[in-house]
Amino acid sequence: MDDTDLMLKKLGRKTMFNITDEEMPALREQYEVFMSHVQALDEIDTEGVEPLAFPYVVETTFLREDEPNHVISTEDALKNCKTVQRNQIRVPKVVG
């Protein structure tokens, strides 16, 4: 067993997967394909390219300005609630 197999076994244990010796050749092959993709990405020249948090620019001109035009009082908002506690709607516990 070489270093890559040991690393994959260790990673499997950390992620709660029991990798058998029979599964190791297929996993090793998938790992090598993945690493070839990573190597291809490493070869892309990104000099002078600004990092992006999202792959393309999204125009949001369709959103309106958030300007309140009809505000009701807390009392009016809570008047139809069955149970109110400290000016908040009290709901039954749903997780035990």
C-alpha atoms as a PDB file:
ATOM      1  CA  MET A   1       0.000   0.000   0.000  1.00  0.00           C
ATOM      2  CA  ASP A   2       1.534   3.331  -1.042  1.00  0.00           C
ATOM      3  CA  ASP A   3       1.133   6.838   0.392  1.00  0.00           C
ATOM      4  CA  THR A   4      -1.949   7.637  -1.713  1.00  0.00           C
ATOM      5  CA  ASP A   5      -3.758   4.491  -0.560  1.00  0.00           C
ATOM      6  CA  LEU A   6      -2.892   5.282   3.051  1.00  0.00           C
ATOM      7  CA  MET A   7      -4.130   8.852   2.640  1.00  0.00           C
ATOM      8  CA  LEU A   8      -7.411   7.629   1.092  1.00  0.00           C
ATOM      9  CA  LYS A   9      -7.913   5.082   3.900  1.00  0.00           C
ATOM     10  CA  LYS A  10      -7.228   7.770   6.519  1.00  0.00           C
ATOM     11  CA  LEU A  11      -9.633  10.169   4.812  1.00  0.00           C
ATOM     12  CA  GLY A  12     -12.219   7.400   4.682  1.00  0.00           C
ATOM     13  CA  ARG A  13     -11.909   6.813   8.428  1.00  0.00           C
ATOM     14  CA  LYS A  14     -12.215  10.553   9.143  1.00  0.00           C
ATOM     15  CA  THR A  15     -15.432  10.708   7.121  1.00  0.00           C
ATOM     16  CA  MET A  16     -16.790   7.490   8.666  1.00  0.00           C
ATOM     17  CA  PHE A  17     -16.408   5.355   5.524  1.00  0.00           C
ATOM     18  CA  ASN A  18     -14.913   1.922   5.821  1.00  0.00           C
ATOM     19  CA  ILE A  19     -12.990   1.470   2.586  1.00  0.00           C
ATOM     20  CA  THR A  20     -12.318  -2.189   1.880  1.00  0.00           C
ATOM     21  CA  ASP A  21      -9.322  -3.509  -0.036  1.00  0.00           C
ATOM     22  CA  GLU A  22     -11.700  -4.501  -2.852  1.00  0.00           C
ATOM     23  CA  GLU A  23     -12.963  -0.912  -3.164  1.00  0.00           C
ATOM     24  CA  MET A  24      -9.504   0.648  -3.120  1.00  0.00           C
ATOM     25  CA  PRO A  25      -8.635   0.201  -6.856  1.00  0.00           C
ATOM     26  CA  ALA A  26     -11.852   1.966  -7.968  1.00  0.00           C
ATOM     27  CA  LEU A  27     -11.378   4.729  -5.394  1.00  0.00           C
ATOM     28  CA  ARG A  28      -7.759   5.165  -6.425  1.00  0.00           C
ATOM     29  CA  GLU A  29      -8.817   5.476 -10.081  1.00  0.00           C
ATOM     30  CA  GLN A  30     -11.448   8.107  -9.224  1.00  0.00           C
ATOM     31  CA  TYR A  31      -8.889   9.986  -7.127  1.00  0.00           C
ATOM     32  CA  GLU A  32      -6.414  10.045 -10.034  1.00  0.00           C
ATOM     33  CA  VAL A  33      -9.099  11.378 -12.404  1.00  0.00           C
ATOM     34  CA  PHE A  34      -9.972  14.087  -9.878  1.00  0.00           C
ATOM     35  CA  MET A  35      -6.323  15.050  -9.440  1.00  0.00           C
ATOM     36  CA  SER A  36      -5.847  15.272 -13.226  1.00  0.00           C
ATOM     37  CA  HIS A  37      -8.732  17.764 -13.303  1.00  0.00           C
ATOM     38  CA  VAL A  38      -7.127  19.760 -10.498  1.00  0.00           C
ATOM     39  CA  GLN A  39      -3.824  19.746 -12.381  1.00  0.00           C
ATOM     40  CA  ALA A  40      -5.604  21.047 -15.511  1.00  0.00           C
ATOM     41  CA  LEU A  41      -7.071  23.893 -13.454  1.00  0.00           C
ATOM     42  CA  ASP A  42      -3.634  24.692 -12.023  1.00  0.00           C
ATOM     43  CA  GLU A  43      -2.318  25.192 -15.565  1.00  0.00           C
ATOM     44  CA  ILE A  44      -4.819  27.983 -16.345  1.00  0.00           C
ATOM     45  CA  ASP A  45      -3.151  31.406 -16.409  1.00  0.00           C
ATOM     46  CA  THR A  46      -5.050  33.581 -13.929  1.00  0.00           C
ATOM     47  CA  GLU A  47      -2.529  36.393 -13.762  1.00  0.00           C
ATOM     48  CA  GLY A  48      -4.362  39.715 -13.468  1.00  0.00           C
ATOM     49  CA  VAL A  49      -7.782  38.108 -13.053  1.00  0.00           C
ATOM     50  CA  GLU A  50      -9.744  39.278 -10.020  1.00  0.00           C
ATOM     51  CA  PRO A  51     -11.233  36.539  -7.864  1.00  0.00           C
ATOM     52  CA  LEU A  52     -14.992  36.114  -8.012  1.00  0.00           C
ATOM     53  CA  ALA A  53     -17.419  35.001  -5.335  1.00  0.00           C
ATOM     54  CA  PHE A  54     -19.938  34.164  -8.079  1.00  0.00           C
ATOM     55  CA  PRO A  55     -19.086  33.031 -11.631  1.00  0.00           C
ATOM     56  CA  TYR A  56     -20.937  35.838 -13.414  1.00  0.00           C
ATOM     57  CA  VAL A  57     -22.413  39.255 -12.756  1.00  0.00           C
ATOM     58  CA  VAL A  58     -26.091  39.282 -11.838  1.00  0.00           C
ATOM     59  CA  GLU A  59     -27.939  42.490 -12.529  1.00  0.00           C
ATOM     60  CA  THR A  60     -30.510  43.206  -9.848  1.00  0.00           C
ATOM     61  CA  THR A  61     -32.231  46.179 -11.448  1.00  0.00           C
ATOM     62  CA  PHE A  62     -35.597  44.474 -11.052  1.00  0.00           C
ATOM     63  CA  LEU A  63     -35.576  44.892  -7.263  1.00  0.00           C
ATOM     64  CA  ARG A  64     -37.477  47.789  -5.766  1.00  0.00           C
ATOM     65  CA  GLU A  65     -36.266  50.111  -3.072  1.00  0.00           C
ATOM     66  CA  ASP A  66     -37.525  48.935   0.287  1.00  0.00           C
ATOM     67  CA  GLU A  67     -39.636  51.828   1.471  1.00  0.00           C
ATOM     68  CA  PRO A  68     -42.309  51.102   4.100  1.00  0.00           C
ATOM     69  CA  ASN A  69     -45.663  52.483   3.025  1.00  0.00           C
ATOM     70  CA  HIS A  70     -48.130  50.772   5.361  1.00  0.00           C
ATOM     71  CA  VAL A  71     -46.936  49.984   8.883  1.00  0.00           C
ATOM     72  CA  ILE A  72     -49.268  48.478  11.454  1.00  0.00           C
ATOM     73  CA  SER A  73     -48.816  48.562  15.205  1.00  0.00           C
ATOM     74  CA  THR A  74     -47.565  45.591  17.200  1.00  0.00           C
ATOM     75  CA  GLU A  75     -50.963  45.352  18.874  1.00  0.00           C
ATOM     76  CA  ASP A  76     -52.738  45.081  15.512  1.00  0.00           C
ATOM     77  CA  ALA A  77     -50.233  42.477  14.307  1.00  0.00           C
ATOM     78  CA  LEU A  78     -50.779  40.314  17.406  1.00  0.00           C
ATOM     79  CA  LYS A  79     -54.514  40.790  17.971  1.00  0.00           C
ATOM     80  CA  ASN A  80     -55.556  37.497  16.260  1.00  0.00           C
ATOM     81  CA  CYS A  81     -52.852  35.310  17.843  1.00  0.00           C
ATOM     82  CA  LYS A  82     -53.926  32.616  20.297  1.00  0.00           C
ATOM     83  CA  THR A  83     -50.921  33.067  22.578  1.00  0.00           C
ATOM     84  CA  VAL A  84     -48.604  36.056  22.849  1.00  0.00           C
ATOM     85  CA  GLN A  85     -45.546  36.300  25.067  1.00  0.00           C
ATOM     86  CA  ARG A  86     -43.449  39.477  25.378  1.00  0.00           C
ATOM     87  CA  ASN A  87     -44.949  40.978  22.204  1.00  0.00           C
ATOM     88  CA  GLN A  88     -44.120  37.848  20.183  1.00  0.00           C
ATOM     89  CA  ILE A  89     -46.289  35.044  18.829  1.00  0.00           C
ATOM     90  CA  ARG A  90     -45.849  31.949  20.964  1.00  0.00           C
ATOM     91  CA  VAL A  91     -45.996  28.675  19.022  1.00  0.00           C
ATOM     92  CA  PRO A  92     -45.887  25.089  20.292  1.00  0.00           C
ATOM     93  CA  LYS A  93     -42.542  23.341  20.475  1.00  0.00           C
ATOM     94  CA  VAL A  94     -42.110  21.164  17.376  1.00  0.00           C
ATOM     95  CA  VAL A  95     -38.754  19.516  18.113  1.00  0.00           C
ATOM     96  CA  GLY A  96     -38.423  17.271  21.146  1.00  0.00           C
END
